[in-house]
Amino acid sequence: MSPRNKRPRRRKAAPAPATVAWWKRPVTWLLTIVIGAVGAWLGAVLLGTINQWKPANELAEKLAGRGPLVVLDVKHIPYPQEGALNYVYPAGSDLARLDADRPDDPTVQAGAVDVERSTWEITLVGTRDEAAEAVDLRPVLVEPCRAPLTGIREPNESQGDSAKVVLVTHVDRPNPRMLVEDREGTDAGAPFFATHKITLPKGEKNVIQVRALSAKQHCRWRLELDYLADGGRQTMVISAPGDKPFEVTGRADDSAYTWVYLSPIIDCRAKDGTKTDRLRITGAEYAQMMRDKRTCPY
């Protein structure tokens, strides 16, 4: 073959570089690292800013509608736990169920009002890492005290008195204060919060027992609790269950009551000699019985 007729051989083209997926490219890695670092930095800055205003757990509690102090329970102490205790029911009340189905707490379940003293237990719990401190507690009348109630009275004899120390307040006196009722202590009758405060740690239940007294008047009130938390002084209003005011009535003249139901412990018989579980007499009959210094009217 002539050199002229010899065809030059074609060179094979170099293979094209393989396409690299975008998520495998070095520039993507770099951007991911940069974006992640910036996001972490922004998160730290934002969290730091929030925490400067309020710690994160406290912020959550605020958003949930919880303050630094929460009232877990408000409980009335009825007879016989409270010892001898008289109740007054509205004059038109039907007390037949007292004979058939005695309520555990007439004040809460049957509309009765405590006579001369009313005792309540208030359970509080702190919600902050730094304990709140109760520094004052006082009754605030919802209206001026009035004449004592004179409906249907039910006396109950004592079945033992509690030795528990309570805070006492005379709600029928001007500017009532919480006093110490420690019969065996040296500071009995002294203003409690003048020298004491109550520490309320986070998550720990604390029970404050309050006994309100009224000698001659019918009084209705709520409690105002001053406490220190979140770097300042705050006030909480405490009411009876159902957002009702607390209530106590002084003792009226014995003859003023429509009816008086005598305690079954006394075991008095009716006028005709028949036995009854709970004898009912008029206020006038009860007053005469007291004047005669008798335990039963007949």
C-alpha atoms as a PDB file:
ATOM      1  CA  MET A   1       0.000   0.000   0.000  1.00  0.00           C
ATOM      2  CA  SER A   2       1.257   3.436  -0.916  1.00  0.00           C
ATOM      3  CA  PRO A   3       2.004   5.798   1.919  1.00  0.00           C
ATOM      4  CA  ARG A   4      -0.362   8.196   0.234  1.00  0.00           C
ATOM      5  CA  ASN A   5      -3.270   5.905   0.600  1.00  0.00           C
ATOM      6  CA  LYS A   6      -2.649   5.329   4.316  1.00  0.00           C
ATOM      7  CA  ARG A   7      -5.425   6.980   6.415  1.00  0.00           C
ATOM      8  CA  PRO A   8      -4.456   8.583   9.671  1.00  0.00           C
ATOM      9  CA  ARG A   9      -5.913   6.902  12.720  1.00  0.00           C
ATOM     10  CA  ARG A  10      -8.443   8.905  14.809  1.00  0.00           C
ATOM     11  CA  ARG A  11      -7.504   9.478  18.381  1.00  0.00           C
ATOM     12  CA  LYS A  12     -10.055   8.364  20.985  1.00  0.00           C
ATOM     13  CA  ALA A  13     -11.666  11.280  22.781  1.00  0.00           C
ATOM     14  CA  ALA A  14     -10.878  11.534  26.487  1.00  0.00           C
ATOM     15  CA  PRO A  15     -13.841  10.415  28.604  1.00  0.00           C
ATOM     16  CA  ALA A  16     -15.919  13.324  30.063  1.00  0.00           C
ATOM     17  CA  PRO A  17     -15.484  13.787  33.798  1.00  0.00           C
ATOM     18  CA  ALA A  18     -18.280  12.142  35.821  1.00  0.00           C
ATOM     19  CA  THR A  19     -20.935  14.509  37.215  1.00  0.00           C
ATOM     20  CA  VAL A  20     -20.686  14.836  41.025  1.00  0.00           C
ATOM     21  CA  ALA A  21     -23.981  14.987  42.896  1.00  0.00           C
ATOM     22  CA  TRP A  22     -24.598  18.430  44.403  1.00  0.00           C
ATOM     23  CA  TRP A  23     -24.778  17.137  47.962  1.00  0.00           C
ATOM     24  CA  LYS A  24     -21.320  15.603  47.539  1.00  0.00           C
ATOM     25  CA  ARG A  25     -19.612  18.748  46.351  1.00  0.00           C
ATOM     26  CA  PRO A  26     -17.075  20.375  48.699  1.00  0.00           C
ATOM     27  CA  VAL A  27     -18.778  23.751  48.354  1.00  0.00           C
ATOM     28  CA  THR A  28     -22.020  22.236  49.699  1.00  0.00           C
ATOM     29  CA  TRP A  29     -20.186  20.856  52.703  1.00  0.00           C
ATOM     30  CA  LEU A  30     -18.697  24.231  53.355  1.00  0.00           C
ATOM     31  CA  LEU A  31     -22.079  25.979  53.102  1.00  0.00           C
ATOM     32  CA  THR A  32     -23.634  23.399  55.436  1.00  0.00           C
ATOM     33  CA  ILE A  33     -20.946  23.961  58.021  1.00  0.00           C
ATOM     34  CA  VAL A  34     -21.267  27.752  57.756  1.00  0.00           C
ATOM     35  CA  ILE A  35     -25.094  27.722  57.931  1.00  0.00           C
ATOM     36  CA  GLY A  36     -25.040  25.320  60.898  1.00  0.00           C
ATOM     37  CA  ALA A  37     -22.541  27.485  62.743  1.00  0.00           C
ATOM     38  CA  VAL A  38     -24.547  30.640  62.067  1.00  0.00           C
ATOM     39  CA  GLY A  39     -27.768  28.897  63.197  1.00  0.00           C
ATOM     40  CA  ALA A  40     -26.152  27.693  66.394  1.00  0.00           C
ATOM     41  CA  TRP A  41     -24.788  31.176  67.074  1.00  0.00           C
ATOM     42  CA  LEU A  42     -28.186  32.795  66.477  1.00  0.00           C
ATOM     43  CA  GLY A  43     -29.869  30.203  68.727  1.00  0.00           C
ATOM     44  CA  ALA A  44     -27.387  30.856  71.503  1.00  0.00           C
ATOM     45  CA  VAL A  45     -27.856  34.619  71.177  1.00  0.00           C
ATOM     46  CA  LEU A  46     -31.662  34.293  71.214  1.00  0.00           C
ATOM     47  CA  LEU A  47     -31.657  31.924  74.201  1.00  0.00           C
ATOM     48  CA  GLY A  48     -29.258  34.188  76.049  1.00  0.00           C
ATOM     49  CA  THR A  49     -31.514  37.167  75.398  1.00  0.00           C
ATOM     50  CA  ILE A  50     -34.592  35.286  76.687  1.00  0.00           C
ATOM     51  CA  ASN A  51     -32.777  34.051  79.763  1.00  0.00           C
ATOM     52  CA  GLN A  52     -31.616  37.555  80.585  1.00  0.00           C
ATOM     53  CA  TRP A  53     -35.291  38.515  80.763  1.00  0.00           C
ATOM     54  CA  LYS A  54     -36.603  35.356  82.481  1.00  0.00           C
ATOM     55  CA  PRO A  55     -35.150  31.866  83.046  1.00  0.00           C
ATOM     56  CA  ALA A  56     -36.559  29.401  80.527  1.00  0.00           C
ATOM     57  CA  ASN A  57     -38.498  27.327  83.048  1.00  0.00           C
ATOM     58  CA  GLU A  58     -40.079  30.415  84.585  1.00  0.00           C
ATOM     59  CA  LEU A  59     -41.002  31.712  81.140  1.00  0.00           C
ATOM     60  CA  ALA A  60     -42.823  28.442  80.445  1.00  0.00           C
ATOM     61  CA  GLU A  61     -44.710  28.755  83.716  1.00  0.00           C
ATOM     62  CA  LYS A  62     -45.682  32.333  82.911  1.00  0.00           C
ATOM     63  CA  LEU A  63     -46.992  31.256  79.522  1.00  0.00           C
ATOM     64  CA  ALA A  64     -48.992  28.507  81.226  1.00  0.00           C
ATOM     65  CA  GLY A  65     -50.644  31.115  83.455  1.00  0.00           C
ATOM     66  CA  ARG A  66     -48.818  30.114  86.633  1.00  0.00           C
ATOM     67  CA  GLY A  67     -47.243  32.674  88.900  1.00  0.00           C
ATOM     68  CA  PRO A  68     -44.457  32.138  91.439  1.00  0.00           C
ATOM     69  CA  LEU A  69     -47.005  30.945  94.008  1.00  0.00           C
ATOM     70  CA  VAL A  70     -49.951  28.589  93.459  1.00  0.00           C
ATOM     71  CA  VAL A  71     -52.899  27.791  95.780  1.00  0.00           C
ATOM     72  CA  LEU A  72     -53.313  24.014  95.606  1.00  0.00           C
ATOM     73  CA  ASP A  73     -56.209  23.678  98.040  1.00  0.00           C
ATOM     74  CA  VAL A  74     -58.500  25.652 100.335  1.00  0.00           C
ATOM     75  CA  LYS A  75     -60.164  23.369 102.886  1.00  0.00           C
ATOM     76  CA  HIS A  76     -62.665  24.147 105.625  1.00  0.00           C
ATOM     77  CA  ILE A  77     -62.153  22.443 108.995  1.00  0.00           C
ATOM     78  CA  PRO A  78     -65.581  21.311 110.259  1.00  0.00           C
ATOM     79  CA  TYR A  79     -66.833  19.813 113.509  1.00  0.00           C
ATOM     80  CA  PRO A  80     -65.642  17.528 115.075  1.00  0.00           C
ATOM     81  CA  GLN A  81     -62.077  18.108 113.829  1.00  0.00           C
ATOM     82  CA  GLU A  82     -62.403  21.712 114.949  1.00  0.00           C
ATOM     83  CA  GLY A  83     -63.820  20.695 118.324  1.00  0.00           C
ATOM     84  CA  ALA A  84     -67.040  22.296 119.586  1.00  0.00           C
ATOM     85  CA  LEU A  85     -68.543  24.266 116.717  1.00  0.00           C
ATOM     86  CA  ASN A  86     -71.959  25.843 116.205  1.00  0.00           C
ATOM     87  CA  TYR A  87     -73.575  26.323 112.801  1.00  0.00           C
ATOM     88  CA  VAL A  88     -76.331  28.658 111.656  1.00  0.00           C
ATOM     89  CA  TYR A  89     -78.483  27.717 108.641  1.00  0.00           C
ATOM     90  CA  PRO A  90     -80.852  30.075 106.792  1.00  0.00           C
ATOM     91  CA  ALA A  91     -84.254  30.195 108.503  1.00  0.00           C
ATOM     92  CA  GLY A  92     -86.005  28.481 105.580  1.00  0.00           C
ATOM     93  CA  SER A  93     -83.593  25.558 105.340  1.00  0.00           C
ATOM     94  CA  ASP A  94     -84.827  21.980 105.416  1.00  0.00           C
ATOM     95  CA  LEU A  95     -82.694  20.216 107.998  1.00  0.00           C
ATOM     96  CA  ALA A  96     -84.432  16.852 107.733  1.00  0.00           C
ATOM     97  CA  ARG A  97     -81.360  15.422 106.001  1.00  0.00           C
ATOM     98  CA  LEU A  98     -79.316  16.140 109.123  1.00  0.00           C
ATOM     99  CA  ASP A  99     -81.224  13.276 110.691  1.00  0.00           C
ATOM    100  CA  ALA A 100     -81.134  10.990 107.646  1.00  0.00           C
ATOM    101  CA  ASP A 101     -77.807  11.778 105.961  1.00  0.00           C
ATOM    102  CA  ARG A 102     -75.427  13.916 107.970  1.00  0.00           C
ATOM    103  CA  PRO A 103     -73.142  15.982 105.667  1.00  0.00           C
ATOM    104  CA  ASP A 104     -69.444  15.745 106.430  1.00  0.00           C
ATOM    105  CA  ASP A 105     -69.125  19.527 106.283  1.00  0.00           C
ATOM    106  CA  PRO A 106     -72.343  21.572 106.693  1.00  0.00           C
ATOM    107  CA  THR A 107     -70.513  24.786 105.817  1.00  0.00           C
ATOM    108  CA  VAL A 108     -69.471  23.535 102.379  1.00  0.00           C
ATOM    109  CA  GLN A 109     -72.297  21.095 101.645  1.00  0.00           C
ATOM    110  CA  ALA A 110     -75.382  22.543 103.339  1.00  0.00           C
ATOM    111  CA  GLY A 111     -74.954  26.319 103.333  1.00  0.00           C
ATOM    112  CA  ALA A 112     -74.260  26.629 107.065  1.00  0.00           C
ATOM    113  CA  VAL A 113     -72.184  29.457 108.565  1.00  0.00           C
ATOM    114  CA  ASP A 114     -69.743  28.886 111.426  1.00  0.00           C
ATOM    115  CA  VAL A 115     -70.606  30.617 114.698  1.00  0.00           C
ATOM    116  CA  GLU A 116     -67.872  32.673 116.407  1.00  0.00           C
ATOM    117  CA  ARG A 117     -64.966  30.946 114.644  1.00  0.00           C
ATOM    118  CA  SER A 118     -64.228  29.558 111.187  1.00  0.00           C
ATOM    119  CA  THR A 119     -61.038  27.637 110.441  1.00  0.00           C
ATOM    120  CA  TRP A 120     -59.550  27.028 107.010  1.00  0.00           C
ATOM    121  CA  GLU A 121     -56.402  25.321 105.745  1.00  0.00           C
ATOM    122  CA  ILE A 122     -54.708  26.864 102.713  1.00  0.00           C
ATOM    123  CA  THR A 123     -52.118  24.774 100.862  1.00  0.00           C
ATOM    124  CA  LEU A 124     -49.525  26.752  98.896  1.00  0.00           C
ATOM    125  CA  VAL A 125     -46.636  25.671  96.666  1.00  0.00           C
ATOM    126  CA  GLY A 126     -43.825  27.715  95.157  1.00  0.00           C
ATOM    127  CA  THR A 127     -42.969  27.354  91.473  1.00  0.00           C
ATOM    128  CA  ARG A 128     -39.583  29.096  91.319  1.00  0.00           C
ATOM    129  CA  ASP A 129     -36.102  27.693  91.822  1.00  0.00           C
ATOM    130  CA  GLU A 130     -35.600  30.516  94.312  1.00  0.00           C
ATOM    131  CA  ALA A 131     -38.116  30.076  97.136  1.00  0.00           C
ATOM    132  CA  ALA A 132     -40.911  32.622  97.527  1.00  0.00           C
ATOM    133  CA  GLU A 133     -41.478  34.138 100.981  1.00  0.00           C
ATOM    134  CA  ALA A 134     -44.893  34.935 102.449  1.00  0.00           C
ATOM    135  CA  VAL A 135     -44.470  38.126 104.479  1.00  0.00           C
ATOM    136  CA  ASP A 136     -48.056  39.117 105.335  1.00  0.00           C
ATOM    137  CA  LEU A 137     -51.558  37.650 105.350  1.00  0.00           C
ATOM    138  CA  ARG A 138     -54.670  39.633 106.212  1.00  0.00           C
ATOM    139  CA  PRO A 139     -58.466  39.407 105.870  1.00  0.00           C
ATOM    140  CA  VAL A 140     -60.137  42.058 103.704  1.00  0.00           C
ATOM    141  CA  LEU A 141     -63.880  42.503 104.201  1.00  0.00           C
ATOM    142  CA  VAL A 142     -66.045  42.404 101.082  1.00  0.00           C
ATOM    143  CA  GLU A 143     -68.623  44.532 102.926  1.00  0.00           C
ATOM    144  CA  PRO A 144     -69.036  45.970 106.443  1.00  0.00           C
ATOM    145  CA  CYS A 145     -69.841  43.374 109.115  1.00  0.00           C
ATOM    146  CA  ARG A 146     -73.520  43.147 110.028  1.00  0.00           C
ATOM    147  CA  ALA A 147     -75.746  41.846 112.807  1.00  0.00           C
ATOM    148  CA  PRO A 148     -75.298  38.134 113.572  1.00  0.00           C
ATOM    149  CA  LEU A 149     -77.372  35.576 111.688  1.00  0.00           C
ATOM    150  CA  THR A 150     -80.478  34.303 113.488  1.00  0.00           C
ATOM    151  CA  GLY A 151     -81.710  31.391 111.379  1.00  0.00           C
ATOM    152  CA  ILE A 152     -81.545  27.786 112.534  1.00  0.00           C
ATOM    153  CA  ARG A 153     -78.781  27.078 115.024  1.00  0.00           C
ATOM    154  CA  GLU A 154     -77.084  23.733 115.548  1.00  0.00           C
ATOM    155  CA  PRO A 155     -74.756  23.457 118.547  1.00  0.00           C
ATOM    156  CA  ASN A 156     -72.167  20.661 118.616  1.00  0.00           C
ATOM    157  CA  GLU A 157     -70.401  19.565 121.771  1.00  0.00           C
ATOM    158  CA  SER A 158     -66.631  19.294 121.812  1.00  0.00           C
ATOM    159  CA  GLN A 159     -65.042  15.971 120.912  1.00  0.00           C
ATOM    160  CA  GLY A 160     -61.506  17.082 121.667  1.00  0.00           C
ATOM    161  CA  ASP A 161     -59.511  20.114 120.610  1.00  0.00           C
ATOM    162  CA  SER A 162     -56.601  20.149 118.194  1.00  0.00           C
ATOM    163  CA  ALA A 163     -53.192  21.109 119.559  1.00  0.00           C
ATOM    164  CA  LYS A 164     -52.074  22.387 116.173  1.00  0.00           C
ATOM    165  CA  VAL A 165     -50.730  25.928 116.117  1.00  0.00           C
ATOM    166  CA  VAL A 166     -52.824  28.190 113.903  1.00  0.00           C
ATOM    167  CA  LEU A 167     -52.930  31.845 112.900  1.00  0.00           C
ATOM    168  CA  VAL A 168     -55.852  33.712 114.451  1.00  0.00           C
ATOM    169  CA  THR A 169     -57.533  36.890 113.255  1.00  0.00           C
ATOM    170  CA  HIS A 170     -60.489  38.885 114.629  1.00  0.00           C
ATOM    171  CA  VAL A 171     -62.350  39.805 111.462  1.00  0.00           C
ATOM    172  CA  ASP A 172     -64.884  41.954 113.327  1.00  0.00           C
ATOM    173  CA  ARG A 173     -62.196  44.359 114.558  1.00  0.00           C
ATOM    174  CA  PRO A 174     -60.643  47.304 112.669  1.00  0.00           C
ATOM    175  CA  ASN A 175     -57.509  46.402 110.662  1.00  0.00           C
ATOM    176  CA  PRO A 176     -57.402  42.728 111.694  1.00  0.00           C
ATOM    177  CA  ARG A 177     -53.980  41.062 111.768  1.00  0.00           C
ATOM    178  CA  MET A 178     -52.795  37.475 111.939  1.00  0.00           C
ATOM    179  CA  LEU A 179     -51.919  36.577 115.521  1.00  0.00           C
ATOM    180  CA  VAL A 180     -50.135  33.570 116.991  1.00  0.00           C
ATOM    181  CA  GLU A 181     -52.403  31.089 118.770  1.00  0.00           C
ATOM    182  CA  ASP A 182     -49.789  29.068 120.579  1.00  0.00           C
ATOM    183  CA  ARG A 183     -51.347  28.454 123.958  1.00  0.00           C
ATOM    184  CA  GLU A 184     -48.167  26.922 125.312  1.00  0.00           C
ATOM    185  CA  GLY A 185     -45.794  29.484 123.790  1.00  0.00           C
ATOM    186  CA  THR A 186     -44.579  32.837 125.025  1.00  0.00           C
ATOM    187  CA  ASP A 187     -45.623  34.766 121.918  1.00  0.00           C
ATOM    188  CA  ALA A 188     -49.313  33.798 121.968  1.00  0.00           C
ATOM    189  CA  GLY A 189     -51.417  36.704 120.727  1.00  0.00           C
ATOM    190  CA  ALA A 190     -48.462  38.454 119.068  1.00  0.00           C
ATOM    191  CA  PRO A 191     -48.696  39.590 115.412  1.00  0.00           C
ATOM    192  CA  PHE A 192     -47.213  36.641 113.513  1.00  0.00           C
ATOM    193  CA  PHE A 193     -45.766  38.440 110.485  1.00  0.00           C
ATOM    194  CA  ALA A 194     -44.126  41.137 112.599  1.00  0.00           C
ATOM    195  CA  THR A 195     -41.364  38.665 113.421  1.00  0.00           C
ATOM    196  CA  HIS A 196     -41.959  35.711 111.075  1.00  0.00           C
ATOM    197  CA  LYS A 197     -42.150  34.865 107.399  1.00  0.00           C
ATOM    198  CA  ILE A 198     -43.099  31.637 105.648  1.00  0.00           C
ATOM    199  CA  THR A 199     -40.646  30.188 103.120  1.00  0.00           C
ATOM    200  CA  LEU A 200     -42.267  28.489 100.121  1.00  0.00           C
ATOM    201  CA  PRO A 201     -39.699  26.359  98.193  1.00  0.00           C
ATOM    202  CA  LYS A 202     -40.348  25.098  94.694  1.00  0.00           C
ATOM    203  CA  GLY A 203     -42.617  22.065  94.555  1.00  0.00           C
ATOM    204  CA  GLU A 204     -43.026  21.820  98.343  1.00  0.00           C
ATOM    205  CA  LYS A 205     -46.526  21.941  99.836  1.00  0.00           C
ATOM    206  CA  ASN A 206     -46.974  24.360 102.721  1.00  0.00           C
ATOM    207  CA  VAL A 207     -50.166  24.493 104.798  1.00  0.00           C
ATOM    208  CA  ILE A 208     -51.277  27.693 106.509  1.00  0.00           C
ATOM    209  CA  GLN A 209     -54.155  27.261 108.963  1.00  0.00           C
ATOM    210  CA  VAL A 210     -56.229  30.379 109.584  1.00  0.00           C
ATOM    211  CA  ARG A 211     -58.886  30.711 112.299  1.00  0.00           C
ATOM    212  CA  ALA A 212     -61.180  33.727 111.920  1.00  0.00           C
ATOM    213  CA  LEU A 213     -63.094  34.933 114.969  1.00  0.00           C
ATOM    214  CA  SER A 214     -66.143  37.161 115.349  1.00  0.00           C
ATOM    215  CA  ALA A 215     -67.856  37.780 118.656  1.00  0.00           C
ATOM    216  CA  LYS A 216     -71.041  39.649 117.727  1.00  0.00           C
ATOM    217  CA  GLN A 217     -71.121  40.325 113.973  1.00  0.00           C
ATOM    218  CA  HIS A 218     -71.651  38.493 110.690  1.00  0.00           C
ATOM    219  CA  CYS A 219     -68.566  39.091 108.510  1.00  0.00           C
ATOM    220  CA  ARG A 220     -67.577  38.057 104.986  1.00  0.00           C
ATOM    221  CA  TRP A 221     -64.007  38.454 103.752  1.00  0.00           C
ATOM    222  CA  ARG A 222     -61.233  37.267 101.465  1.00  0.00           C
ATOM    223  CA  LEU A 223     -57.548  36.825 102.293  1.00  0.00           C
ATOM    224  CA  GLU A 224     -54.727  38.871 100.799  1.00  0.00           C
ATOM    225  CA  LEU A 225     -51.293  37.238 100.862  1.00  0.00           C
ATOM    226  CA  ASP A 226     -48.192  39.393 100.327  1.00  0.00           C
ATOM    227  CA  TYR A 227     -45.094  37.506  99.186  1.00  0.00           C
ATOM    228  CA  LEU A 228     -41.629  38.165  97.801  1.00  0.00           C
ATOM    229  CA  ALA A 229     -40.732  36.532  94.467  1.00  0.00           C
ATOM    230  CA  ASP A 230     -39.147  37.437  91.126  1.00  0.00           C
ATOM    231  CA  GLY A 231     -37.270  40.267  92.813  1.00  0.00           C
ATOM    232  CA  GLY A 232     -40.351  42.108  94.064  1.00  0.00           C
ATOM    233  CA  ARG A 233     -43.341  42.140  96.400  1.00  0.00           C
ATOM    234  CA  GLN A 234     -46.605  40.730  95.026  1.00  0.00           C
ATOM    235  CA  THR A 235     -50.128  40.190  96.367  1.00  0.00           C
ATOM    236  CA  MET A 236     -52.402  37.181  95.915  1.00  0.00           C
ATOM    237  CA  VAL A 237     -56.141  37.113  96.745  1.00  0.00           C
ATOM    238  CA  ILE A 238     -57.399  33.845  98.264  1.00  0.00           C
ATOM    239  CA  SER A 239     -61.102  32.960  98.362  1.00  0.00           C
ATOM    240  CA  ALA A 240     -63.203  30.069  99.627  1.00  0.00           C
ATOM    241  CA  PRO A 241     -64.085  27.269  97.161  1.00  0.00           C
ATOM    242  CA  GLY A 242     -66.218  28.482  94.265  1.00  0.00           C
ATOM    243  CA  ASP A 243     -64.558  31.908  94.468  1.00  0.00           C
ATOM    244  CA  LYS A 244     -66.841  32.757  97.381  1.00  0.00           C
ATOM    245  CA  PRO A 245     -65.846  34.916 100.350  1.00  0.00           C
ATOM    246  CA  PHE A 246     -65.092  33.310 103.702  1.00  0.00           C
ATOM    247  CA  GLU A 247     -67.842  33.784 106.262  1.00  0.00           C
ATOM    248  CA  VAL A 248     -68.378  33.694 110.016  1.00  0.00           C
ATOM    249  CA  THR A 249     -71.154  34.977 112.275  1.00  0.00           C
ATOM    250  CA  GLY A 250     -71.136  36.088 115.865  1.00  0.00           C
ATOM    251  CA  ARG A 251     -73.511  34.537 118.381  1.00  0.00           C
ATOM    252  CA  ALA A 252     -76.944  36.140 118.546  1.00  0.00           C
ATOM    253  CA  ASP A 253     -79.164  36.160 121.606  1.00  0.00           C
ATOM    254  CA  ASP A 254     -80.365  32.595 122.200  1.00  0.00           C
ATOM    255  CA  SER A 255     -84.027  33.569 121.914  1.00  0.00           C
ATOM    256  CA  ALA A 256     -83.462  35.185 118.485  1.00  0.00           C
ATOM    257  CA  TYR A 257     -82.970  31.883 116.638  1.00  0.00           C
ATOM    258  CA  THR A 258     -85.942  30.427 114.769  1.00  0.00           C
ATOM    259  CA  TRP A 259     -85.022  26.877 115.738  1.00  0.00           C
ATOM    260  CA  VAL A 260     -82.200  25.188 117.625  1.00  0.00           C
ATOM    261  CA  TYR A 261     -81.223  21.580 116.868  1.00  0.00           C
ATOM    262  CA  LEU A 262     -79.621  20.015 119.943  1.00  0.00           C
ATOM    263  CA  SER A 263     -76.647  17.721 119.564  1.00  0.00           C
ATOM    264  CA  PRO A 264     -77.528  13.987 119.522  1.00  0.00           C
ATOM    265  CA  ILE A 265     -74.672  13.453 122.003  1.00  0.00           C
ATOM    266  CA  ILE A 266     -76.852  15.016 124.718  1.00  0.00           C
ATOM    267  CA  ASP A 267     -79.667  12.507 123.959  1.00  0.00           C
ATOM    268  CA  CYS A 268     -82.551  14.794 124.939  1.00  0.00           C
ATOM    269  CA  ARG A 269     -86.136  13.539 124.650  1.00  0.00           C
ATOM    270  CA  ALA A 270     -89.107  15.395 123.210  1.00  0.00           C
ATOM    271  CA  LYS A 271     -91.732  17.061 125.399  1.00  0.00           C
ATOM    272  CA  ASP A 272     -93.942  13.971 125.314  1.00  0.00           C
ATOM    273  CA  GLY A 273     -91.026  11.772 126.367  1.00  0.00           C
ATOM    274  CA  THR A 274     -90.404  10.188 122.984  1.00  0.00           C
ATOM    275  CA  LYS A 275     -86.827   9.621 121.891  1.00  0.00           C
ATOM    276  CA  THR A 276     -85.503  11.416 118.829  1.00  0.00           C
ATOM    277  CA  ASP A 277     -82.114  11.417 117.164  1.00  0.00           C
ATOM    278  CA  ARG A 278     -81.919  15.211 117.019  1.00  0.00           C
ATOM    279  CA  LEU A 279     -84.303  17.254 119.124  1.00  0.00           C
ATOM    280  CA  ARG A 280     -85.508  20.560 117.656  1.00  0.00           C
ATOM    281  CA  ILE A 281     -86.686  23.348 119.968  1.00  0.00           C
ATOM    282  CA  THR A 282     -87.446  27.047 119.536  1.00  0.00           C
ATOM    283  CA  GLY A 283     -84.936  29.749 120.293  1.00  0.00           C
ATOM    284  CA  ALA A 284     -87.064  30.846 123.239  1.00  0.00           C
ATOM    285  CA  GLU A 285     -87.016  27.299 124.666  1.00  0.00           C
ATOM    286  CA  TYR A 286     -83.254  27.124 124.190  1.00  0.00           C
ATOM    287  CA  ALA A 287     -82.785  30.478 125.953  1.00  0.00           C
ATOM    288  CA  GLN A 288     -84.861  29.255 128.923  1.00  0.00           C
ATOM    289  CA  MET A 289     -82.841  26.049 129.035  1.00  0.00           C
ATOM    290  CA  MET A 290     -79.624  28.093 129.222  1.00  0.00           C
ATOM    291  CA  ARG A 291     -81.040  30.300 131.976  1.00  0.00           C
ATOM    292  CA  ASP A 292     -82.032  27.219 133.959  1.00  0.00           C
ATOM    293  CA  LYS A 293     -78.535  25.740 133.336  1.00  0.00           C
ATOM    294  CA  ARG A 294     -80.041  22.522 132.003  1.00  0.00           C
ATOM    295  CA  THR A 295     -78.679  20.314 129.229  1.00  0.00           C
ATOM    296  CA  CYS A 296     -82.166  19.361 127.994  1.00  0.00           C
ATOM    297  CA  PRO A 297     -85.251  21.571 127.753  1.00  0.00           C
ATOM    298  CA  TYR A 298     -87.815  19.100 129.222  1.00  0.00           C
END
